[in-house]
N, C-alpha and C. Protein backbone atom coordinates (compact mmCIF):
# COMPACT_ATOMS: atom_id res chain seq x y z
N MET A 1 0.69 -1.12 0.09
CA MET A 1 -0.11 0.07 -0.16
C MET A 1 0.78 1.19 0.13
N GLU A 2 1.71 0.85 1.09
CA GLU A 2 2.93 2.55 0.49
C GLU A 2 3.61 2.49 -0.33
N LYS A 3 3.92 1.57 -0.89
CA LYS A 3 4.49 1.67 -2.15
C LYS A 3 3.77 2.08 -3.28
N MET A 4 2.51 2.27 -3.58
CA MET A 4 1.56 2.10 -4.39
C MET A 4 0.61 3.72 -4.51
N LEU A 5 0.95 4.21 -3.06
CA LEU A 5 0.70 6.10 -2.54
C LEU A 5 2.15 7.05 -2.72
N TYR A 6 3.26 5.91 -2.67
CA TYR A 6 5.03 6.89 -3.31
C TYR A 6 4.26 6.63 -4.94
N LEU A 7 3.77 5.96 -5.60
CA LEU A 7 4.04 5.76 -6.84
C LEU A 7 2.52 6.60 -7.66
N ASN A 8 1.97 6.96 -6.43
CA ASN A 8 0.79 8.06 -7.20
C ASN A 8 1.26 9.27 -7.20
N SER A 9 2.35 9.62 -5.94
CA SER A 9 3.14 10.72 -5.71
C SER A 9 3.33 11.17 -6.60
N LEU A 10 4.39 10.01 -7.17
CA LEU A 10 5.54 10.71 -8.47
C LEU A 10 4.72 10.77 -9.81
N PHE A 11 3.60 10.11 -9.51
CA PHE A 11 2.80 10.18 -10.71
C PHE A 11 2.30 11.46 -10.97
N ASP A 12 1.82 12.15 -10.07
CA ASP A 12 1.42 13.23 -9.91
C ASP A 12 2.41 14.53 -10.49
N ILE A 13 3.70 14.11 -9.77
CA ILE A 13 4.39 14.94 -9.80
C ILE A 13 5.49 15.23 -11.95
N TYR A 14 5.53 13.48 -12.31
CA TYR A 14 6.47 13.81 -12.96
C TYR A 14 5.74 12.60 -14.39
N LYS A 15 4.15 12.91 -14.28
CA LYS A 15 3.09 12.12 -15.54
C LYS A 15 3.47 13.04 -16.70
N ASP A 16 3.52 14.39 -16.63
CA ASP A 16 3.78 15.23 -18.07
C ASP A 16 4.85 14.51 -18.83
N LEU A 17 5.93 13.76 -18.19
CA LEU A 17 7.13 13.18 -18.81
C LEU A 17 7.34 11.98 -19.48
N LEU A 18 5.64 11.06 -18.60
CA LEU A 18 5.61 9.78 -20.04
C LEU A 18 4.94 10.03 -20.96
N THR A 19 4.40 8.86 -21.59
CA THR A 19 3.96 9.20 -22.80
C THR A 19 2.26 9.11 -22.55
N GLU A 20 1.39 9.26 -23.64
CA GLU A 20 0.20 9.08 -23.35
C GLU A 20 -0.41 8.24 -22.95
N LYS A 21 -0.03 6.71 -23.78
CA LYS A 21 -0.34 5.60 -23.17
C LYS A 21 -0.04 4.96 -22.14
N GLN A 22 1.15 5.76 -21.64
CA GLN A 22 1.85 5.26 -20.37
C GLN A 22 0.85 5.79 -18.98
N GLN A 23 0.81 7.47 -19.40
CA GLN A 23 -0.46 7.77 -18.53
C GLN A 23 -1.86 7.13 -18.55
N LYS A 24 -2.07 6.01 -19.41
CA LYS A 24 -3.73 6.02 -19.60
C LYS A 24 -3.11 4.31 -18.76
N TYR A 25 -2.44 3.63 -18.97
CA TYR A 25 -2.10 2.30 -18.32
C TYR A 25 -1.95 2.89 -16.79
N PHE A 26 -1.26 3.50 -16.30
CA PHE A 26 -1.19 3.74 -14.99
C PHE A 26 -2.43 4.34 -14.13
N MET A 27 -2.99 5.08 -14.98
CA MET A 27 -3.97 5.52 -14.24
C MET A 27 -5.39 4.60 -14.41
N ASP A 28 -5.62 3.75 -14.94
CA ASP A 28 -6.52 2.24 -15.29
C ASP A 28 -5.92 1.75 -14.19
N TYR A 29 -4.81 1.45 -13.60
CA TYR A 29 -4.05 0.10 -13.03
C TYR A 29 -4.24 0.94 -11.78
N TYR A 30 -3.48 2.02 -11.23
CA TYR A 30 -3.32 2.32 -9.92
C TYR A 30 -4.64 3.44 -9.39
N PHE A 31 -5.34 3.78 -10.54
CA PHE A 31 -6.22 4.98 -10.20
C PHE A 31 -8.07 4.23 -10.33
N ASN A 32 -7.83 3.59 -11.48
CA ASN A 32 -9.68 3.01 -11.51
C ASN A 32 -8.84 1.88 -11.16
N ASN A 33 -8.44 1.09 -10.81
CA ASN A 33 -8.32 -0.27 -10.27
C ASN A 33 -8.36 -1.32 -10.97
N LEU A 34 -7.96 -1.59 -12.63
CA LEU A 34 -8.08 -2.36 -13.34
C LEU A 34 -7.29 -3.55 -13.70
N SER A 35 -7.50 -4.89 -13.54
CA SER A 35 -7.13 -5.52 -13.59
C SER A 35 -6.30 -5.66 -14.87
N LEU A 36 -4.84 -6.16 -14.45
CA LEU A 36 -3.97 -5.94 -16.52
C LEU A 36 -4.82 -6.37 -17.52
N ALA A 37 -5.64 -7.36 -17.16
CA ALA A 37 -6.72 -8.33 -18.03
C ALA A 37 -7.65 -7.32 -18.91
N GLU A 38 -7.92 -6.47 -17.71
CA GLU A 38 -9.01 -5.58 -18.30
C GLU A 38 -8.45 -4.28 -18.90
N ILE A 39 -6.96 -4.16 -18.55
CA ILE A 39 -6.55 -3.15 -19.58
C ILE A 39 -6.07 -3.83 -20.15
N ALA A 40 -5.76 -4.61 -20.56
CA ALA A 40 -5.26 -5.32 -21.81
C ALA A 40 -6.32 -5.18 -23.05
N ASP A 41 -7.82 -5.74 -22.14
CA ASP A 41 -8.90 -5.55 -23.37
C ASP A 41 -9.27 -4.28 -23.70
N LYS A 42 -9.13 -3.43 -22.86
CA LYS A 42 -9.34 -2.16 -22.87
C LYS A 42 -8.79 -1.52 -24.41
N TYR A 43 -7.39 -2.22 -24.64
CA TYR A 43 -6.46 -1.49 -25.60
C TYR A 43 -5.62 -2.19 -26.39
N SER A 44 -6.43 -3.92 -26.16
CA SER A 44 -6.54 -4.68 -27.80
C SER A 44 -4.77 -4.94 -27.31
N VAL A 45 -4.54 -5.23 -26.27
CA VAL A 45 -3.18 -5.84 -26.15
C VAL A 45 -2.64 -6.79 -25.83
N SER A 46 -1.94 -7.65 -24.88
CA SER A 46 -1.53 -8.58 -24.59
C SER A 46 -1.10 -8.25 -23.00
N ARG A 47 -1.85 -8.93 -21.89
CA ARG A 47 -1.71 -8.86 -20.70
C ARG A 47 -0.14 -8.22 -20.48
N ASN A 48 0.45 -9.70 -20.81
CA ASN A 48 1.78 -9.14 -20.51
C ASN A 48 2.69 -7.58 -20.96
N ALA A 49 2.24 -7.39 -22.27
CA ALA A 49 2.51 -6.19 -22.37
C ALA A 49 2.20 -5.13 -21.71
N ILE A 50 1.36 -5.15 -21.04
CA ILE A 50 1.03 -4.47 -19.85
C ILE A 50 1.36 -4.57 -18.87
N PHE A 51 1.35 -5.86 -18.11
CA PHE A 51 2.53 -5.51 -17.22
C PHE A 51 4.05 -5.40 -17.53
N ASN A 52 4.69 -5.09 -18.40
CA ASN A 52 5.89 -4.76 -18.51
C ASN A 52 5.70 -3.51 -18.82
N GLN A 53 4.94 -2.70 -19.83
CA GLN A 53 4.66 -1.68 -19.16
C GLN A 53 4.69 -0.97 -18.25
N LEU A 54 3.99 -1.28 -17.09
CA LEU A 54 3.88 -0.90 -15.47
C LEU A 54 5.19 -0.97 -15.23
N LYS A 55 5.71 -2.04 -15.60
CA LYS A 55 7.33 -1.89 -14.89
C LYS A 55 8.30 -0.64 -15.44
N ILE A 56 7.89 -0.37 -17.00
CA ILE A 56 8.62 0.96 -17.62
C ILE A 56 8.24 2.08 -16.09
N ILE A 57 6.85 1.88 -16.72
CA ILE A 57 6.61 2.95 -15.97
C ILE A 57 6.80 3.21 -14.68
N GLU A 58 7.16 2.82 -13.92
CA GLU A 58 6.99 2.42 -12.06
C GLU A 58 9.43 2.76 -12.06
N ASP A 59 9.85 2.54 -13.42
CA ASP A 59 11.19 2.44 -12.95
C ASP A 59 11.72 3.84 -13.72
N LYS A 60 10.52 4.28 -14.95
CA LYS A 60 10.90 5.63 -14.89
C LYS A 60 10.48 6.62 -13.76
N LEU A 61 9.59 6.68 -13.20
CA LEU A 61 9.49 7.14 -12.00
C LEU A 61 10.70 7.06 -11.03
N ASN A 62 10.60 6.35 -10.38
CA ASN A 62 11.82 6.44 -9.61
C ASN A 62 13.44 6.88 -10.49
N ASP A 63 13.65 6.93 -11.75
CA ASP A 63 14.46 7.11 -12.16
C ASP A 63 14.43 8.67 -12.19
N TYR A 64 13.03 9.06 -12.52
CA TYR A 64 13.17 11.10 -12.73
C TYR A 64 13.01 11.52 -10.63
N GLU A 65 12.98 10.56 -10.19
CA GLU A 65 12.49 11.11 -8.66
C GLU A 65 14.29 11.02 -8.09
N LYS A 66 14.96 9.88 -8.64
CA LYS A 66 16.57 9.93 -8.52
C LYS A 66 17.03 10.66 -8.71
N LYS A 67 16.75 11.37 -9.97
CA LYS A 67 17.55 12.56 -10.81
C LYS A 67 16.92 13.58 -10.09
N LEU A 68 15.79 14.01 -10.07
CA LEU A 68 15.54 15.36 -9.50
C LEU A 68 15.13 15.55 -8.27
N LYS A 69 14.36 14.85 -7.35
CA LYS A 69 14.45 14.64 -5.93
C LYS A 69 13.40 16.12 -5.62
N ILE A 70 12.07 15.93 -6.18
CA ILE A 70 11.19 16.40 -6.76
C ILE A 70 10.58 16.19 -5.03
N TYR A 71 9.97 14.67 -5.51
CA TYR A 71 9.17 14.14 -4.23
C TYR A 71 9.62 14.58 -2.57
N ASP A 72 10.95 14.48 -2.59
CA ASP A 72 11.95 14.33 -1.45
C ASP A 72 12.13 15.95 -0.81
N LYS A 73 11.73 17.10 -1.72
CA LYS A 73 11.94 17.87 -1.74
C LYS A 73 10.68 18.46 -0.78
N LYS A 74 9.42 18.06 -1.86
CA LYS A 74 8.48 18.62 -1.32
C LYS A 74 8.10 18.43 0.09
N MET A 75 8.23 16.81 0.25
CA MET A 75 8.24 16.37 1.67
C MET A 75 8.78 17.12 2.53
N LYS A 76 10.30 17.58 2.46
CA LYS A 76 11.08 18.25 3.21
C LYS A 76 10.49 19.29 3.66
N ILE A 77 10.09 20.29 3.06
CA ILE A 77 9.38 21.26 2.78
C ILE A 77 8.14 21.20 3.59
N ASP A 78 7.28 20.11 3.20
CA ASP A 78 5.70 20.03 4.18
C ASP A 78 6.48 19.91 5.87
N ASP A 79 7.09 19.12 6.10
CA ASP A 79 7.85 18.99 7.61
C ASP A 79 8.09 20.55 8.06
N ILE A 80 8.67 21.30 6.98
CA ILE A 80 8.92 22.69 7.94
C ILE A 80 8.06 23.34 7.61
N ILE A 81 6.85 23.35 7.00
CA ILE A 81 5.69 23.71 7.51
C ILE A 81 5.07 23.89 8.38
N GLU A 82 5.33 22.59 8.87
CA GLU A 82 4.12 22.20 9.75
C GLU A 82 4.86 22.61 10.99
N LEU A 83 6.08 23.04 11.08
CA LEU A 83 6.68 23.74 12.20
C LEU A 83 6.27 25.16 12.54
N ILE A 84 5.61 25.77 11.28
CA ILE A 84 5.08 26.98 11.27
C ILE A 84 4.24 27.13 12.50
N ASP A 85 4.01 28.07 12.86
CA ASP A 85 2.31 28.23 14.08
C ASP A 85 1.31 29.21 13.49
N ASN A 86 1.66 29.95 12.67
CA ASN A 86 1.05 30.98 11.98
C ASN A 86 0.43 30.29 10.83
N LYS A 87 -1.15 30.06 11.00
CA LYS A 87 -2.07 29.38 10.08
C LYS A 87 -2.75 30.15 8.68
N GLU A 88 -2.27 31.24 8.57
CA GLU A 88 -2.17 31.97 7.13
C GLU A 88 -1.18 31.61 6.33
N ILE A 89 -0.08 31.69 7.24
CA ILE A 89 1.77 31.26 6.18
C ILE A 89 1.24 29.77 5.60
N LYS A 90 0.97 28.85 6.40
CA LYS A 90 0.60 27.47 6.58
C LYS A 90 0.44 27.35 5.12
N LYS A 91 -1.09 27.99 4.97
CA LYS A 91 -2.44 28.00 3.76
C LYS A 91 -1.96 28.43 2.64
N ILE A 92 -0.96 29.41 2.63
CA ILE A 92 -0.32 30.15 1.44
C ILE A 92 0.76 29.46 1.06
N LEU A 93 1.65 28.90 1.80
CA LEU A 93 3.04 28.04 1.37
C LEU A 93 2.44 26.61 0.94
N LYS A 94 1.54 25.59 1.23
CA LYS A 94 1.02 24.93 1.56
C LYS A 94 0.33 24.77 -0.38
N SER A 95 -0.18 25.96 -0.50
CA SER A 95 -0.89 26.28 -1.95
C SER A 95 0.46 26.28 -3.02
N LEU A 96 1.57 26.49 -3.05
CA LEU A 96 2.11 27.24 -3.67
C LEU A 96 2.60 25.45 -4.23
N PHE A 97 2.12 24.42 -3.49
CA PHE A 97 2.79 23.07 -4.28
C PHE A 97 1.93 22.40 -4.74
């Protein structure tokens, strides 16, 4: 479950770096909770092709994060924001991300 939430967060950040087809596969699998077979039927490809694409997507997302560290920086900023007492400033800072 934790891995899925992490991948969803990475997808939110890096989705524009994926192809349209990769975005659709990812959303169908992780957001729409479709099985590999259902996605394969939907796009008229093999179940194995979907499995391979999801693995490629996962690797790409992890690679983007390894290089750019946007998720890591966001988490650190969130931790710092939580230390601020002023609710208005917190609200403004959270809206920036």
